[in-house]
PDB file of N, CA and C in Angstrom:
ATOM      1  N   UNK A   1     223.437  95.562 245.779  1.00  0.00           N
ATOM      2  CA  UNK A   1     222.369  95.033 246.607  1.00  0.00           C
ATOM      3  C   UNK A   1     222.845  93.838 247.423  1.00  0.00           C
ATOM      4  N   UNK A   2     223.666  92.982 246.818  1.00  0.00           N
ATOM      5  CA  UNK A   2     224.135  91.816 247.554  1.00  0.00           C
ATOM      6  C   UNK A   2     225.089  92.213 248.675  1.00  0.00           C
ATOM      7  N   UNK A   3     225.814  93.321 248.489  1.00  0.00           N
ATOM      8  CA  UNK A   3     226.700  93.817 249.546  1.00  0.00           C
ATOM      9  C   UNK A   3     225.877  94.214 250.773  1.00  0.00           C
ATOM     10  N   UNK A   4     224.738  94.873 250.533  1.00  0.00           N
ATOM     11  CA  UNK A   4     223.886  95.303 251.638  1.00  0.00           C
ATOM     12  C   UNK A   4     223.283  94.103 252.377  1.00  0.00           C
ATOM     13  N   UNK A   5     222.858  93.093 251.641  1.00  0.00           N
ATOM     14  CA  UNK A   5     222.281  91.904 252.271  1.00  0.00           C
ATOM     15  C   UNK A   5     223.328  91.129 253.061  1.00  0.00           C
ATOM     16  N   UNK A   6     224.539  91.095 252.540  1.00  0.00           N
ATOM     17  CA  UNK A   6     225.617  90.423 253.262  1.00  0.00           C
ATOM     18  C   UNK A   6     225.921  91.139 254.570  1.00  0.00           C
ATOM     19  N   UNK A   7     225.960  92.452 254.537  1.00  0.00           N
ATOM     20  CA  UNK A   7     226.193  93.243 255.742  1.00  0.00           C
ATOM     21  C   UNK A   7     225.085  93.003 256.764  1.00  0.00           C
ATOM     22  N   UNK A   8     223.848  92.968 256.303  1.00  0.00           N
ATOM     23  CA  UNK A   8     222.737  92.728 257.223  1.00  0.00           C
ATOM     24  C   UNK A   8     222.805  91.328 257.834  1.00  0.00           C
ATOM     25  N   UNK A   9     223.152  90.333 257.025  1.00  0.00           N
ATOM     26  CA  UNK A   9     223.248  88.964 257.522  1.00  0.00           C
ATOM     27  C   UNK A   9     224.339  88.832 258.576  1.00  0.00           C
ATOM     28  N   UNK A  10     225.544  89.278 258.253  1.00  0.00           N
ATOM     29  CA  UNK A  10     226.643  89.141 259.201  1.00  0.00           C
ATOM     30  C   UNK A  10     226.485  90.064 260.399  1.00  0.00           C
ATOM     31  N   UNK A  11     225.832  91.205 260.201  1.00  0.00           N
ATOM     32  CA  UNK A  11     225.534  92.074 261.338  1.00  0.00           C
ATOM     33  C   UNK A  11     224.622  91.387 262.334  1.00  0.00           C
ATOM     34  N   UNK A  12     223.642  90.660 261.815  1.00  0.00           N
ATOM     35  CA  UNK A  12     222.739  89.922 262.703  1.00  0.00           C
ATOM     36  C   UNK A  12     223.482  88.821 263.454  1.00  0.00           C
ATOM     37  N   UNK A  13     224.337  88.078 262.745  1.00  0.00           N
ATOM     38  CA  UNK A  13     225.094  86.990 263.387  1.00  0.00           C
ATOM     39  C   UNK A  13     226.026  87.533 264.463  1.00  0.00           C
ATOM     40  N   UNK A  14     226.804  88.562 264.124  1.00  0.00           N
ATOM     41  CA  UNK A  14     227.717  89.146 265.113  1.00  0.00           C
ATOM     42  C   UNK A  14     226.952  89.785 266.270  1.00  0.00           C
ATOM     43  N   UNK A  15     225.809  90.368 265.987  1.00  0.00           N
ATOM     44  CA  UNK A  15     224.992  90.948 267.049  1.00  0.00           C
ATOM     45  C   UNK A  15     224.493  89.907 268.023  1.00  0.00           C
ATOM     46  N   UNK A  16     224.137  88.741 267.506  1.00  0.00           N
ATOM     47  CA  UNK A  16     223.695  87.654 268.383  1.00  0.00           C
ATOM     48  C   UNK A  16     224.827  87.191 269.298  1.00  0.00           C
ATOM     49  N   UNK A  17     225.995  87.023 268.725  1.00  0.00           N
ATOM     50  CA  UNK A  17     227.143  86.549 269.516  1.00  0.00           C
ATOM     51  C   UNK A  17     227.531  87.581 270.570  1.00  0.00           C
ATOM     52  N   UNK A  18     227.665  88.833 270.154  1.00  0.00           N
ATOM     53  CA  UNK A  18     228.054  89.886 271.098  1.00  0.00           C
ATOM     54  C   UNK A  18     226.969  90.093 272.150  1.00  0.00           C
ATOM     55  N   UNK A  19     225.704  90.052 271.738  1.00  0.00           N
ATOM     56  CA  UNK A  19     224.606  90.212 272.686  1.00  0.00           C
ATOM     57  C   UNK A  19     224.543  89.086 273.707  1.00  0.00           C
ATOM     58  N   UNK A  20     224.783  87.853 273.258  1.00  0.00           N
ATOM     59  CA  UNK A  20     224.763  86.720 274.172  1.00  0.00           C
ATOM     60  C   UNK A  20     225.898  86.808 275.194  1.00  0.00           C
ATOM     61  N   UNK A  21     227.081  87.117 274.711  1.00  0.00           N
ATOM     62  CA  UNK A  21     228.239  87.212 275.603  1.00  0.00           C
ATOM     63  C   UNK A  21     228.061  88.358 276.596  1.00  0.00           C
ATOM     64  N   UNK A  22     227.613  89.520 276.121  1.00  0.00           N
ATOM     65  CA  UNK A  22     227.452  90.658 277.027  1.00  0.00           C
ATOM     66  C   UNK A  22     226.329  90.424 278.040  1.00  0.00           C
ATOM     67  N   UNK A  23     225.254  89.747 277.641  1.00  0.00           N
ATOM     68  CA  UNK A  23     224.191  89.466 278.605  1.00  0.00           C
ATOM     69  C   UNK A  23     224.631  88.429 279.632  1.00  0.00           C
ATOM     70  N   UNK A  24     225.447  87.482 279.209  1.00  0.00           N
ATOM     71  CA  UNK A  24     225.948  86.492 280.164  1.00  0.00           C
ATOM     72  C   UNK A  24     226.915  87.129 281.158  1.00  0.00           C
ATOM     73  N   UNK A  25     227.737  88.050 280.699  1.00  0.00           N
ATOM     74  CA  UNK A  25     228.693  88.706 281.597  1.00  0.00           C
ATOM     75  C   UNK A  25     228.021  89.693 282.540  1.00  0.00           C
ATOM     76  N   UNK A  26     226.961  90.345 282.075  1.00  0.00           N
ATOM     77  CA  UNK A  26     226.300  91.340 282.922  1.00  0.00           C
ATOM     78  C   UNK A  26     225.153  90.758 283.732  1.00  0.00           C
ATOM     79  N   UNK A  27     224.722  89.555 283.409  1.00  0.00           N
ATOM     80  CA  UNK A  27     223.645  88.909 284.160  1.00  0.00           C
ATOM     81  C   UNK A  27     222.262  89.397 283.779  1.00  0.00           C
ATOM     82  N   UNK A  28     222.121  90.004 282.609  1.00  0.00           N
ATOM     83  CA  UNK A  28     220.818  90.488 282.160  1.00  0.00           C
ATOM     84  C   UNK A  28     220.176  89.480 281.216  1.00  0.00           C
ATOM     85  N   UNK A  29     218.916  89.732 280.877  1.00  0.00           N
ATOM     86  CA  UNK A  29     218.193  88.833 279.994  1.00  0.00           C
ATOM     87  C   UNK A  29     218.630  89.061 278.546  1.00  0.00           C
ATOM     88  N   UNK A  30     218.810  87.975 277.803  1.00  0.00           N
ATOM     89  CA  UNK A  30     219.235  88.034 276.406  1.00  0.00           C
ATOM     90  C   UNK A  30     218.022  88.133 275.503  1.00  0.00           C
ATOM     91  N   UNK A  31     217.981  89.159 274.671  1.00  0.00           N
ATOM     92  CA  UNK A  31     216.894  89.347 273.715  1.00  0.00           C
ATOM     93  C   UNK A  31     217.439  89.138 272.311  1.00  0.00           C
ATOM     94  N   UNK A  32     216.953  88.106 271.646  1.00  0.00           N
ATOM     95  CA  UNK A  32     217.450  87.737 270.318  1.00  0.00           C
ATOM     96  C   UNK A  32     217.154  88.831 269.300  1.00  0.00           C
ATOM     97  N   UNK A  33     215.939  89.306 269.287  1.00  0.00           N
ATOM     98  CA  UNK A  33     215.523  90.259 268.265  1.00  0.00           C
ATOM     99  C   UNK A  33     216.220  91.605 268.442  1.00  0.00           C
ATOM    100  N   UNK A  34     216.252  92.118 269.645  1.00  0.00           N
ATOM    101  CA  UNK A  34     216.831  93.453 269.831  1.00  0.00           C
ATOM    102  C   UNK A  34     218.336  93.470 269.587  1.00  0.00           C
ATOM    103  N   UNK A  35     219.050  92.438 270.008  1.00  0.00           N
ATOM    104  CA  UNK A  35     220.496  92.442 269.777  1.00  0.00           C
ATOM    105  C   UNK A  35     220.817  92.253 268.303  1.00  0.00           C
ATOM    106  N   UNK A  36     220.081  91.416 267.612  1.00  0.00           N
ATOM    107  CA  UNK A  36     220.321  91.200 266.188  1.00  0.00           C
ATOM    108  C   UNK A  36     219.966  92.405 265.341  1.00  0.00           C
ATOM    109  N   UNK A  37     218.793  92.986 265.596  1.00  0.00           N
ATOM    110  CA  UNK A  37     218.367  94.139 264.805  1.00  0.00           C
ATOM    111  C   UNK A  37     219.228  95.370 265.061  1.00  0.00           C
ATOM    112  N   UNK A  38     219.651  95.555 266.301  1.00  0.00           N
ATOM    113  CA  UNK A  38     220.517  96.683 266.608  1.00  0.00           C
ATOM    114  C   UNK A  38     221.836  96.581 265.857  1.00  0.00           C
ATOM    115  N   UNK A  39     222.428  95.413 265.852  1.00  0.00           N
ATOM    116  CA  UNK A  39     223.688  95.222 265.135  1.00  0.00           C
ATOM    117  C   UNK A  39     223.502  95.351 263.627  1.00  0.00           C
ATOM    118  N   UNK A  40     222.373  94.898 263.106  1.00  0.00           N
ATOM    119  CA  UNK A  40     222.100  95.041 261.671  1.00  0.00           C
ATOM    120  C   UNK A  40     222.008  96.512 261.273  1.00  0.00           C
ATOM    121  N   UNK A  41     221.304  97.298 262.055  1.00  0.00           N
ATOM    122  CA  UNK A  41     221.123  98.713 261.741  1.00  0.00           C
ATOM    123  C   UNK A  41     222.444  99.470 261.852  1.00  0.00           C
ATOM    124  N   UNK A  42     223.190  99.205 262.926  1.00  0.00           N
ATOM    125  CA  UNK A  42     224.485  99.876 263.105  1.00  0.00           C
ATOM    126  C   UNK A  42     225.452  99.490 261.988  1.00  0.00           C
ATOM    127  N   UNK A  43     225.504  98.230 261.628  1.00  0.00           N
ATOM    128  CA  UNK A  43     226.381  97.793 260.547  1.00  0.00           C
ATOM    129  C   UNK A  43     225.989  98.386 259.212  1.00  0.00           C
ATOM    130  N   UNK A  44     224.712  98.454 258.938  1.00  0.00           N
ATOM    131  CA  UNK A  44     224.212  99.024 257.683  1.00  0.00           C
ATOM    132  C   UNK A  44     224.588 100.504 257.566  1.00  0.00           C
ATOM    133  N   UNK A  45     224.386 101.244 258.646  1.00  0.00           N
ATOM    134  CA  UNK A  45     224.727 102.666 258.645  1.00  0.00           C
ATOM    135  C   UNK A  45     226.228 102.862 258.547  1.00  0.00           C
ATOM    136  N   UNK A  46     227.003 102.061 259.268  1.00  0.00           N
ATOM    137  CA  UNK A  46     228.454 102.210 259.258  1.00  0.00           C
ATOM    138  C   UNK A  46     229.043 101.926 257.882  1.00  0.00           C
ATOM    139  N   UNK A  47     228.596 100.871 257.233  1.00  0.00           N
ATOM    140  CA  UNK A  47     229.141 100.523 255.916  1.00  0.00           C
ATOM    141  C   UNK A  47     228.747 101.566 254.882  1.00  0.00           C
ATOM    142  N   UNK A  48     227.517 102.038 254.916  1.00  0.00           N
ATOM    143  CA  UNK A  48     227.105 103.055 253.949  1.00  0.00           C
ATOM    144  C   UNK A  48     227.797 104.388 254.200  1.00  0.00           C
ATOM    145  N   UNK A  49     228.029 104.737 255.453  1.00  0.00           N
ATOM    146  CA  UNK A  49     228.760 105.965 255.754  1.00  0.00           C
ATOM    147  C   UNK A  49     230.219 105.838 255.327  1.00  0.00           C
ATOM    148  N   UNK A  50     230.802 104.685 255.548  1.00  0.00           N
ATOM    149  CA  UNK A  50     232.192 104.470 255.157  1.00  0.00           C
ATOM    150  C   UNK A  50     232.350 104.523 253.644  1.00  0.00           C
ATOM    151  N   UNK A  51     231.440 103.908 252.912  1.00  0.00           N
ATOM    152  CA  UNK A  51     231.536 103.939 251.454  1.00  0.00           C
ATOM    153  C   UNK A  51     231.250 105.330 250.903  1.00  0.00           C
ATOM    154  N   UNK A  52     230.546 106.162 251.654  1.00  0.00           N
ATOM    155  CA  UNK A  52     230.315 107.540 251.235  1.00  0.00           C
ATOM    156  C   UNK A  52     231.596 108.368 251.338  1.00  0.00           C
ATOM    157  N   UNK A  53     232.394 108.129 252.383  1.00  0.00           N
ATOM    158  CA  UNK A  53     233.607 108.904 252.605  1.00  0.00           C
ATOM    159  C   UNK A  53     234.826 108.350 251.884  1.00  0.00           C
ATOM    160  N   UNK A  54     234.867 107.053 251.645  1.00  0.00           N
ATOM    161  CA  UNK A  54     236.013 106.436 250.988  1.00  0.00           C
ATOM    162  C   UNK A  54     235.637 106.147 249.540  1.00  0.00           C
ATOM    163  N   UNK A  55     236.268 106.841 248.646  1.00  0.00           N
ATOM    164  CA  UNK A  55     236.001 106.670 247.218  1.00  0.00           C
ATOM    165  C   UNK A  55     237.215 106.047 246.545  1.00  0.00           C
ATOM    166  N   UNK A  56     236.976 105.313 245.479  1.00  0.00           N
ATOM    167  CA  UNK A  56     238.057 104.736 244.696  1.00  0.00           C
ATOM    168  C   UNK A  56     238.735 105.852 243.915  1.00  0.00           C
ATOM    169  N   UNK A  57     240.055 105.965 244.032  1.00  0.00           N
ATOM    170  CA  UNK A  57     240.721 107.052 243.309  1.00  0.00           C
ATOM    171  C   UNK A  57     240.671 106.847 241.799  1.00  0.00           C
ATOM    172  N   UNK A  58     240.501 107.935 241.082  1.00  0.00           N
ATOM    173  CA  UNK A  58     240.461 107.876 239.622  1.00  0.00           C
ATOM    174  C   UNK A  58     241.879 107.924 239.095  1.00  0.00           C
ATOM    175  N   UNK A  59     242.166 107.075 238.122  1.00  0.00           N
ATOM    176  CA  UNK A  59     243.495 107.052 237.536  1.00  0.00           C
ATOM    177  C   UNK A  59     243.487 107.880 236.260  1.00  0.00           C
ATOM    178  N   UNK A  60     244.556 108.589 236.055  1.00  0.00           N
ATOM    179  CA  UNK A  60     244.699 109.393 234.829  1.00  0.00           C
ATOM    180  C   UNK A  60     245.502 108.595 233.824  1.00  0.00           C
ATOM    181  N   UNK A  61     244.945 108.465 232.651  1.00  0.00           N
ATOM    182  CA  UNK A  61     245.644 107.721 231.592  1.00  0.00           C
ATOM    183  C   UNK A  61     246.043 108.646 230.472  1.00  0.00           C
TER     184      UNK A  61
END
Protein backbone atom coordinates (compact mmCIF):
# COMPACT_ATOMS: atom_id res chain seq x y z
CA UNK A 1 0.00 0.00 0.00
CA UNK A 2 2.80 2.42 0.80
CA UNK A 3 4.38 1.71 -2.60
CA UNK A 4 1.15 2.79 -4.31
CA UNK A 5 0.91 6.00 -2.26
CA UNK A 6 4.52 6.84 -2.98
CA UNK A 7 3.93 6.39 -6.71
CA UNK A 8 0.87 8.63 -6.56
CA UNK A 9 2.73 11.32 -4.61
CA UNK A 10 5.77 11.45 -6.88
CA UNK A 11 3.58 11.12 -9.96
CA UNK A 12 1.75 14.25 -8.90
CA UNK A 13 5.00 16.15 -8.24
CA UNK A 14 6.58 15.13 -11.55
CA UNK A 15 3.32 15.87 -13.36
CA UNK A 16 3.30 19.39 -11.98
CA UNK A 17 6.88 20.04 -13.07
CA UNK A 18 6.43 18.54 -16.54
CA UNK A 19 3.06 20.26 -16.98
CA UNK A 20 4.46 23.65 -15.98
CA UNK A 21 7.46 23.37 -18.29
CA UNK A 22 5.41 22.13 -21.25
CA UNK A 23 2.77 24.85 -20.80
CA UNK A 24 5.46 27.52 -20.61
CA UNK A 25 7.14 26.23 -23.77
CA UNK A 26 3.90 25.90 -25.72
CA UNK A 27 2.30 29.10 -24.43
CA UNK A 28 -0.84 27.39 -23.16
CA UNK A 29 -2.60 27.76 -19.82
CA UNK A 30 -1.22 25.65 -16.95
CA UNK A 31 -3.80 23.53 -15.13
CA UNK A 32 -2.58 22.23 -11.77
CA UNK A 33 -5.25 19.60 -11.28
CA UNK A 34 -5.27 18.08 -14.76
CA UNK A 35 -1.49 17.81 -15.08
CA UNK A 36 -1.08 16.32 -11.61
CA UNK A 37 -3.94 13.85 -11.86
CA UNK A 38 -2.95 12.73 -15.34
CA UNK A 39 0.58 11.95 -14.21
CA UNK A 40 -0.72 10.16 -11.10
CA UNK A 41 -2.99 7.90 -13.15
CA UNK A 42 -0.34 7.14 -15.78
CA UNK A 43 2.27 6.39 -13.12
CA UNK A 44 -0.11 4.17 -11.16
CA UNK A 45 -1.02 2.15 -14.25
CA UNK A 46 2.59 1.92 -15.43
CA UNK A 47 3.96 0.68 -12.11
CA UNK A 48 1.19 -1.88 -11.65
CA UNK A 49 1.59 -3.12 -15.22
CA UNK A 50 5.35 -3.36 -14.79
CA UNK A 51 5.05 -5.31 -11.54
CA UNK A 52 2.59 -7.65 -13.26
CA UNK A 53 5.09 -8.52 -16.00
CA UNK A 54 8.29 -8.51 -13.94
CA UNK A 55 8.31 -11.19 -11.28
CA UNK A 56 11.01 -12.06 -8.78
CA UNK A 57 12.67 -15.29 -9.90
CA UNK A 58 12.23 -18.27 -7.60
CA UNK A 59 15.42 -19.87 -6.36
CA UNK A 60 15.75 -23.62 -6.12
CA UNK A 61 17.35 -24.87 -2.95
